[in-house]
Amino acid sequence: MTSKLTTWIARGLLLVSPIGFLDATYLTLKHYAGQTVGCTITQGCEIVTTSSYSVFYGIPVALFGVLYYLLIVLLMIAYVDRKQENVIRLACWITPVGFVASLYFVGIQAFVLQAWCQYCIGSAITSTLLFLLGMTYLATHKRSN
């Protein structure tokens, strides 16, 4: 059961993290191109992506998302290649970082900006899925010393 669950979680992480990577890459490229991000589902993408909350010390927060998702992708590729438990464990321990960041930015959209960016919501959903997968793995694979 545990090895099937590990395989399922690894596949989930490997499937979801590239989606977040593509989403964050799109936002990063738009930022550096100086282009606005238009919404097709929600209203407020331009407000959110041009707000002071969209950059951290001059760096677009989407770029941090790119790095976060890329790290998960690379760790999962390494896990699939080597099947080393410490690699998937590390990936799972990193997922709370994206989840907490997503909670913060969803809060900013809801309570401060009162505007919604569909790409940011997509990233929040992606981060939440990664977090749930990661916590499921960690809960079922308690490290024994």
N, C-alpha and C. Protein backbone atom coordinates (compact mmCIF):
# COMPACT_ATOMS: atom_id res chain seq x y z
N MET A 1 0.83 -1.20 0.00
CA MET A 1 0.00 0.00 0.00
C MET A 1 0.86 1.25 0.00
N THR A 2 1.87 1.27 0.85
CA THR A 2 2.70 2.46 0.97
C THR A 2 3.44 2.76 -0.33
N SER A 3 3.97 1.75 -0.99
CA SER A 3 4.70 2.02 -2.23
C SER A 3 3.74 2.49 -3.33
N LYS A 4 2.50 1.97 -3.35
CA LYS A 4 1.51 2.46 -4.31
C LYS A 4 1.16 3.91 -4.01
N LEU A 5 1.02 4.24 -2.73
CA LEU A 5 0.72 5.61 -2.35
C LEU A 5 1.87 6.54 -2.72
N THR A 6 3.09 6.10 -2.48
CA THR A 6 4.26 6.90 -2.86
C THR A 6 4.28 7.14 -4.36
N THR A 7 4.01 6.13 -5.14
CA THR A 7 3.97 6.26 -6.60
C THR A 7 2.89 7.25 -7.01
N TRP A 8 1.72 7.14 -6.41
CA TRP A 8 0.61 8.04 -6.71
C TRP A 8 0.97 9.49 -6.36
N ILE A 9 1.57 9.69 -5.20
CA ILE A 9 1.96 11.04 -4.77
C ILE A 9 3.04 11.59 -5.68
N ALA A 10 4.03 10.78 -6.02
CA ALA A 10 5.10 11.22 -6.91
C ALA A 10 4.53 11.64 -8.26
N ARG A 11 3.63 10.85 -8.80
CA ARG A 11 3.00 11.20 -10.08
C ARG A 11 2.20 12.49 -9.96
N GLY A 12 1.49 12.64 -8.84
CA GLY A 12 0.73 13.87 -8.61
C GLY A 12 1.62 15.09 -8.56
N LEU A 13 2.71 14.98 -7.81
CA LEU A 13 3.65 16.10 -7.71
C LEU A 13 4.27 16.42 -9.07
N LEU A 14 4.58 15.38 -9.82
CA LEU A 14 5.20 15.57 -11.13
C LEU A 14 4.21 16.10 -12.16
N LEU A 15 2.94 15.84 -11.97
CA LEU A 15 1.91 16.35 -12.87
C LEU A 15 1.53 17.79 -12.55
N VAL A 16 1.40 18.11 -11.28
CA VAL A 16 0.90 19.43 -10.85
C VAL A 16 1.98 20.51 -10.91
N SER A 17 3.20 20.19 -10.51
CA SER A 17 4.24 21.22 -10.43
C SER A 17 4.56 21.88 -11.78
N PRO A 18 4.56 21.18 -12.90
CA PRO A 18 4.80 21.89 -14.17
C PRO A 18 3.68 22.87 -14.53
N ILE A 19 2.47 22.59 -14.08
CA ILE A 19 1.36 23.52 -14.32
C ILE A 19 1.64 24.84 -13.60
N GLY A 20 2.05 24.74 -12.35
CA GLY A 20 2.41 25.95 -11.60
C GLY A 20 3.60 26.66 -12.22
N PHE A 21 4.56 25.87 -12.69
CA PHE A 21 5.74 26.46 -13.34
C PHE A 21 5.34 27.26 -14.57
N LEU A 22 4.49 26.71 -15.40
CA LEU A 22 4.05 27.41 -16.62
C LEU A 22 3.27 28.67 -16.28
N ASP A 23 2.40 28.58 -15.29
CA ASP A 23 1.60 29.73 -14.86
C ASP A 23 2.51 30.86 -14.36
N ALA A 24 3.43 30.52 -13.47
CA ALA A 24 4.33 31.53 -12.90
C ALA A 24 5.28 32.08 -13.96
N THR A 25 5.71 31.23 -14.89
CA THR A 25 6.58 31.69 -15.98
C THR A 25 5.86 32.69 -16.85
N TYR A 26 4.60 32.42 -17.17
CA TYR A 26 3.79 33.35 -17.96
C TYR A 26 3.73 34.72 -17.29
N LEU A 27 3.43 34.73 -16.00
CA LEU A 27 3.34 36.00 -15.27
C LEU A 27 4.68 36.71 -15.20
N THR A 28 5.75 35.96 -15.04
CA THR A 28 7.09 36.55 -14.99
C THR A 28 7.46 37.17 -16.33
N LEU A 29 7.20 36.46 -17.40
CA LEU A 29 7.51 36.98 -18.74
C LEU A 29 6.71 38.24 -19.03
N LYS A 30 5.45 38.24 -18.67
CA LYS A 30 4.60 39.43 -18.86
C LYS A 30 5.16 40.62 -18.07
N HIS A 31 5.60 40.35 -16.85
CA HIS A 31 6.17 41.41 -16.02
C HIS A 31 7.40 42.03 -16.69
N TYR A 32 8.34 41.18 -17.09
CA TYR A 32 9.58 41.70 -17.67
C TYR A 32 9.38 42.31 -19.06
N ALA A 33 8.32 41.90 -19.75
CA ALA A 33 8.00 42.49 -21.05
C ALA A 33 7.25 43.81 -20.88
N GLY A 34 6.85 44.11 -19.65
CA GLY A 34 6.11 45.34 -19.40
C GLY A 34 4.69 45.29 -19.94
N GLN A 35 4.16 44.09 -20.10
CA GLN A 35 2.82 43.91 -20.64
C GLN A 35 1.82 43.66 -19.52
N THR A 36 0.59 44.10 -19.74
CA THR A 36 -0.45 43.85 -18.75
C THR A 36 -0.97 42.42 -18.93
N VAL A 37 -1.50 41.93 -17.84
CA VAL A 37 -2.07 40.58 -17.84
C VAL A 37 -3.58 40.75 -17.83
N GLY A 38 -4.20 40.29 -18.89
CA GLY A 38 -5.65 40.40 -18.99
C GLY A 38 -6.35 39.17 -18.43
N CYS A 39 -7.52 39.37 -17.90
CA CYS A 39 -8.32 38.28 -17.35
C CYS A 39 -9.40 37.88 -18.36
N THR A 40 -9.71 36.61 -18.41
CA THR A 40 -10.82 36.13 -19.21
C THR A 40 -11.91 35.53 -18.32
N ILE A 41 -11.55 35.17 -17.11
CA ILE A 41 -12.50 34.53 -16.19
C ILE A 41 -12.85 35.49 -15.04
N THR A 42 -11.85 36.11 -14.47
CA THR A 42 -12.06 37.02 -13.34
C THR A 42 -11.84 38.45 -13.80
N GLN A 43 -12.01 39.38 -12.88
CA GLN A 43 -11.71 40.78 -13.16
C GLN A 43 -10.69 41.25 -12.14
N GLY A 44 -9.63 41.87 -12.62
CA GLY A 44 -8.65 42.41 -11.70
C GLY A 44 -7.23 41.94 -11.90
N CYS A 45 -6.97 41.19 -12.96
CA CYS A 45 -5.60 40.70 -13.18
C CYS A 45 -4.60 41.86 -13.24
N GLU A 46 -4.97 42.91 -13.96
CA GLU A 46 -4.06 44.05 -14.09
C GLU A 46 -3.84 44.73 -12.74
N ILE A 47 -4.88 44.84 -11.96
CA ILE A 47 -4.75 45.45 -10.63
C ILE A 47 -3.80 44.64 -9.77
N VAL A 48 -3.99 43.33 -9.76
CA VAL A 48 -3.17 42.45 -8.92
C VAL A 48 -1.73 42.41 -9.40
N THR A 49 -1.53 42.23 -10.70
CA THR A 49 -0.17 42.03 -11.22
C THR A 49 0.64 43.31 -11.33
N THR A 50 0.01 44.45 -11.17
CA THR A 50 0.76 45.72 -11.18
C THR A 50 0.78 46.39 -9.81
N SER A 51 0.23 45.72 -8.81
CA SER A 51 0.22 46.31 -7.47
C SER A 51 1.61 46.22 -6.84
N SER A 52 1.78 46.96 -5.77
CA SER A 52 3.07 46.92 -5.06
C SER A 52 3.32 45.55 -4.45
N TYR A 53 2.28 44.75 -4.30
CA TYR A 53 2.42 43.40 -3.73
C TYR A 53 2.94 42.39 -4.75
N SER A 54 3.01 42.79 -6.02
CA SER A 54 3.45 41.86 -7.07
C SER A 54 4.97 41.82 -7.21
N VAL A 55 5.66 42.67 -6.47
CA VAL A 55 7.12 42.68 -6.50
C VAL A 55 7.66 42.66 -5.07
N PHE A 56 8.83 42.08 -4.93
CA PHE A 56 9.52 42.03 -3.65
C PHE A 56 10.95 42.47 -3.90
N TYR A 57 11.30 43.65 -3.40
CA TYR A 57 12.61 44.24 -3.66
C TYR A 57 12.92 44.29 -5.16
N GLY A 58 11.93 44.68 -5.93
CA GLY A 58 12.10 44.83 -7.37
C GLY A 58 12.01 43.55 -8.17
N ILE A 59 11.84 42.42 -7.50
CA ILE A 59 11.75 41.13 -8.18
C ILE A 59 10.28 40.71 -8.20
N PRO A 60 9.76 40.36 -9.36
CA PRO A 60 8.35 39.93 -9.38
C PRO A 60 8.16 38.66 -8.55
N VAL A 61 7.12 38.64 -7.74
CA VAL A 61 6.89 37.46 -6.91
C VAL A 61 6.63 36.23 -7.78
N ALA A 62 6.17 36.44 -8.99
CA ALA A 62 5.97 35.31 -9.90
C ALA A 62 7.29 34.59 -10.18
N LEU A 63 8.40 35.32 -10.19
CA LEU A 63 9.69 34.68 -10.41
C LEU A 63 10.04 33.74 -9.25
N PHE A 64 9.68 34.11 -8.05
CA PHE A 64 9.87 33.21 -6.91
C PHE A 64 9.02 31.95 -7.11
N GLY A 65 7.82 32.14 -7.67
CA GLY A 65 6.98 30.99 -7.99
C GLY A 65 7.63 30.09 -9.01
N VAL A 66 8.23 30.68 -10.04
CA VAL A 66 8.94 29.90 -11.06
C VAL A 66 10.00 29.03 -10.39
N LEU A 67 10.78 29.63 -9.52
CA LEU A 67 11.86 28.89 -8.85
C LEU A 67 11.31 27.80 -7.94
N TYR A 68 10.24 28.10 -7.23
CA TYR A 68 9.61 27.12 -6.34
C TYR A 68 9.11 25.91 -7.14
N TYR A 69 8.33 26.18 -8.17
CA TYR A 69 7.78 25.08 -8.97
C TYR A 69 8.88 24.31 -9.70
N LEU A 70 9.88 25.02 -10.20
CA LEU A 70 10.99 24.36 -10.89
C LEU A 70 11.74 23.43 -9.93
N LEU A 71 11.93 23.87 -8.70
CA LEU A 71 12.60 23.03 -7.72
C LEU A 71 11.81 21.74 -7.48
N ILE A 72 10.50 21.85 -7.35
CA ILE A 72 9.67 20.66 -7.16
C ILE A 72 9.78 19.75 -8.38
N VAL A 73 9.69 20.33 -9.59
CA VAL A 73 9.81 19.54 -10.82
C VAL A 73 11.14 18.79 -10.84
N LEU A 74 12.23 19.49 -10.58
CA LEU A 74 13.55 18.86 -10.63
C LEU A 74 13.71 17.77 -9.57
N LEU A 75 13.21 18.03 -8.38
CA LEU A 75 13.28 17.01 -7.33
C LEU A 75 12.47 15.78 -7.72
N MET A 76 11.33 15.99 -8.33
CA MET A 76 10.50 14.84 -8.70
C MET A 76 11.12 14.06 -9.86
N ILE A 77 11.75 14.76 -10.78
CA ILE A 77 12.47 14.06 -11.86
C ILE A 77 13.60 13.23 -11.25
N ALA A 78 14.31 13.81 -10.28
CA ALA A 78 15.39 13.07 -9.61
C ALA A 78 14.83 11.87 -8.86
N TYR A 79 13.66 12.04 -8.24
CA TYR A 79 13.06 10.92 -7.52
C TYR A 79 12.67 9.80 -8.49
N VAL A 80 12.04 10.16 -9.59
CA VAL A 80 11.64 9.15 -10.57
C VAL A 80 12.86 8.41 -11.11
N ASP A 81 13.95 9.14 -11.29
CA ASP A 81 15.18 8.55 -11.81
C ASP A 81 15.86 7.64 -10.79
N ARG A 82 15.93 8.06 -9.54
CA ARG A 82 16.72 7.35 -8.53
C ARG A 82 15.92 6.58 -7.49
N LYS A 83 14.65 6.93 -7.35
CA LYS A 83 13.77 6.31 -6.33
C LYS A 83 14.33 6.42 -4.91
N GLN A 84 14.96 7.56 -4.63
CA GLN A 84 15.49 7.80 -3.29
C GLN A 84 14.44 8.53 -2.46
N GLU A 85 14.07 7.91 -1.36
CA GLU A 85 13.01 8.47 -0.51
C GLU A 85 13.34 9.86 0.01
N ASN A 86 14.63 10.13 0.26
CA ASN A 86 14.98 11.45 0.79
C ASN A 86 14.68 12.57 -0.22
N VAL A 87 14.66 12.25 -1.50
CA VAL A 87 14.38 13.26 -2.53
C VAL A 87 12.91 13.63 -2.52
N ILE A 88 12.02 12.64 -2.50
CA ILE A 88 10.59 12.95 -2.45
C ILE A 88 10.23 13.58 -1.10
N ARG A 89 10.90 13.13 -0.05
CA ARG A 89 10.66 13.72 1.28
C ARG A 89 11.02 15.22 1.27
N LEU A 90 12.15 15.57 0.66
CA LEU A 90 12.54 16.97 0.57
C LEU A 90 11.52 17.78 -0.22
N ALA A 91 11.08 17.24 -1.35
CA ALA A 91 10.07 17.92 -2.15
C ALA A 91 8.81 18.17 -1.33
N CYS A 92 8.42 17.18 -0.56
CA CYS A 92 7.21 17.32 0.25
C CYS A 92 7.38 18.33 1.39
N TRP A 93 8.58 18.40 1.95
CA TRP A 93 8.85 19.37 3.01
C TRP A 93 8.88 20.80 2.47
N ILE A 94 9.12 20.97 1.19
CA ILE A 94 9.16 22.31 0.59
C ILE A 94 7.76 22.84 0.29
N THR A 95 6.79 21.95 0.11
CA THR A 95 5.45 22.38 -0.32
C THR A 95 4.76 23.38 0.62
N PRO A 96 5.00 23.36 1.93
CA PRO A 96 4.36 24.39 2.76
C PRO A 96 4.79 25.82 2.40
N VAL A 97 5.97 25.98 1.85
CA VAL A 97 6.43 27.32 1.45
C VAL A 97 5.48 27.92 0.42
N GLY A 98 5.18 27.16 -0.62
CA GLY A 98 4.27 27.64 -1.65
C GLY A 98 2.87 27.83 -1.13
N PHE A 99 2.44 26.94 -0.24
CA PHE A 99 1.09 27.04 0.32
C PHE A 99 0.93 28.30 1.16
N VAL A 100 1.88 28.57 2.02
CA VAL A 100 1.81 29.76 2.88
C VAL A 100 1.88 31.04 2.03
N ALA A 101 2.74 31.04 1.02
CA ALA A 101 2.81 32.19 0.12
C ALA A 101 1.48 32.40 -0.58
N SER A 102 0.87 31.32 -1.02
CA SER A 102 -0.42 31.41 -1.70
C SER A 102 -1.51 31.95 -0.77
N LEU A 103 -1.52 31.48 0.47
CA LEU A 103 -2.49 32.00 1.44
C LEU A 103 -2.32 33.51 1.61
N TYR A 104 -1.09 33.94 1.72
CA TYR A 104 -0.80 35.36 1.86
C TYR A 104 -1.32 36.15 0.66
N PHE A 105 -1.00 35.69 -0.54
CA PHE A 105 -1.40 36.43 -1.74
C PHE A 105 -2.89 36.36 -2.02
N VAL A 106 -3.54 35.28 -1.67
CA VAL A 106 -4.99 35.22 -1.78
C VAL A 106 -5.61 36.22 -0.80
N GLY A 107 -5.05 36.30 0.39
CA GLY A 107 -5.51 37.28 1.36
C GLY A 107 -5.34 38.71 0.86
N ILE A 108 -4.23 38.99 0.23
CA ILE A 108 -3.99 40.33 -0.34
C ILE A 108 -5.04 40.64 -1.40
N GLN A 109 -5.31 39.67 -2.27
CA GLN A 109 -6.31 39.89 -3.31
C GLN A 109 -7.69 40.13 -2.71
N ALA A 110 -8.04 39.33 -1.71
CA ALA A 110 -9.39 39.40 -1.13
C ALA A 110 -9.60 40.63 -0.26
N PHE A 111 -8.64 40.93 0.61
CA PHE A 111 -8.89 41.93 1.63
C PHE A 111 -8.22 43.29 1.38
N VAL A 112 -7.16 43.30 0.62
CA VAL A 112 -6.46 44.56 0.37
C VAL A 112 -6.82 45.12 -1.00
N LEU A 113 -6.58 44.35 -2.02
CA LEU A 113 -6.81 44.82 -3.40
C LEU A 113 -8.26 44.68 -3.82
N GLN A 114 -8.95 43.75 -3.25
CA GLN A 114 -10.33 43.42 -3.63
C GLN A 114 -10.43 43.25 -5.14
N ALA A 115 -9.48 42.52 -5.67
CA ALA A 115 -9.41 42.19 -7.09
C ALA A 115 -8.81 40.80 -7.20
N TRP A 116 -9.19 40.10 -8.26
CA TRP A 116 -8.76 38.72 -8.41
C TRP A 116 -8.05 38.50 -9.73
N CYS A 117 -6.94 37.81 -9.67
CA CYS A 117 -6.18 37.43 -10.86
C CYS A 117 -6.35 35.93 -11.05
N GLN A 118 -6.90 35.54 -12.19
CA GLN A 118 -7.14 34.11 -12.43
C GLN A 118 -5.86 33.29 -12.43
N TYR A 119 -4.77 33.89 -12.87
CA TYR A 119 -3.49 33.18 -12.89
C TYR A 119 -2.96 32.99 -11.48
N CYS A 120 -3.17 33.98 -10.64
CA CYS A 120 -2.75 33.89 -9.24
C CYS A 120 -3.59 32.86 -8.49
N ILE A 121 -4.87 32.82 -8.80
CA ILE A 121 -5.75 31.82 -8.20
C ILE A 121 -5.33 30.43 -8.69
N GLY A 122 -4.98 30.32 -9.96
CA GLY A 122 -4.49 29.05 -10.49
C GLY A 122 -3.24 28.59 -9.76
N SER A 123 -2.35 29.52 -9.49
CA SER A 123 -1.13 29.20 -8.75
C SER A 123 -1.47 28.78 -7.32
N ALA A 124 -2.43 29.45 -6.71
CA ALA A 124 -2.84 29.09 -5.35
C ALA A 124 -3.43 27.68 -5.31
N ILE A 125 -4.22 27.34 -6.31
CA ILE A 125 -4.78 25.99 -6.37
C ILE A 125 -3.67 24.97 -6.56
N THR A 126 -2.75 25.29 -7.45
CA THR A 126 -1.62 24.40 -7.70
C THR A 126 -0.79 24.20 -6.43
N SER A 127 -0.48 25.28 -5.75
CA SER A 127 0.29 25.20 -4.51
C SER A 127 -0.44 24.39 -3.45
N THR A 128 -1.74 24.57 -3.38
CA THR A 128 -2.54 23.83 -2.40
C THR A 128 -2.52 22.33 -2.71
N LEU A 129 -2.66 21.98 -3.98
CA LEU A 129 -2.60 20.57 -4.35
C LEU A 129 -1.24 19.97 -4.01
N LEU A 130 -0.17 20.70 -4.31
CA LEU A 130 1.18 20.22 -3.97
C LEU A 130 1.32 20.03 -2.46
N PHE A 131 0.80 20.99 -1.71
CA PHE A 131 0.85 20.91 -0.25
C PHE A 131 0.09 19.69 0.27
N LEU A 132 -1.10 19.46 -0.24
CA LEU A 132 -1.90 18.33 0.20
C LEU A 132 -1.21 17.00 -0.13
N LEU A 133 -0.64 16.93 -1.33
CA LEU A 133 0.11 15.73 -1.70
C LEU A 133 1.33 15.54 -0.79
N GLY A 134 2.05 16.63 -0.57
CA GLY A 134 3.24 16.56 0.28
C GLY A 134 2.93 16.17 1.70
N MET A 135 1.87 16.75 2.27
CA MET A 135 1.52 16.42 3.65
C MET A 135 0.98 14.99 3.76
N THR A 136 0.31 14.52 2.72
CA THR A 136 -0.15 13.13 2.71
C THR A 136 1.04 12.18 2.73
N TYR A 137 2.03 12.48 1.91
CA TYR A 137 3.24 11.65 1.91
C TYR A 137 3.91 11.67 3.29
N LEU A 138 4.12 12.86 3.82
CA LEU A 138 4.82 12.96 5.10
C LEU A 138 4.05 12.30 6.24
N ALA A 139 2.73 12.41 6.21
CA ALA A 139 1.91 11.80 7.26
C ALA A 139 1.96 10.28 7.19
N THR A 140 2.12 9.73 6.02
CA THR A 140 2.11 8.27 5.86
C THR A 140 3.51 7.67 5.86
N HIS A 141 4.53 8.52 5.85
CA HIS A 141 5.92 8.05 5.83
C HIS A 141 6.71 8.73 6.94
N LYS A 142 6.27 8.51 8.14
CA LYS A 142 6.99 9.10 9.26
C LYS A 142 8.40 8.52 9.31
N ARG A 143 9.37 9.41 9.41
CA ARG A 143 10.78 8.98 9.41
C ARG A 143 11.07 8.24 10.70
N SER A 144 11.62 7.07 10.55
CA SER A 144 12.03 6.30 11.73
C SER A 144 13.54 6.33 11.84
N ASN A 145 14.02 6.66 13.01
CA ASN A 145 15.47 6.76 13.24
C ASN A 145 16.01 5.50 13.85
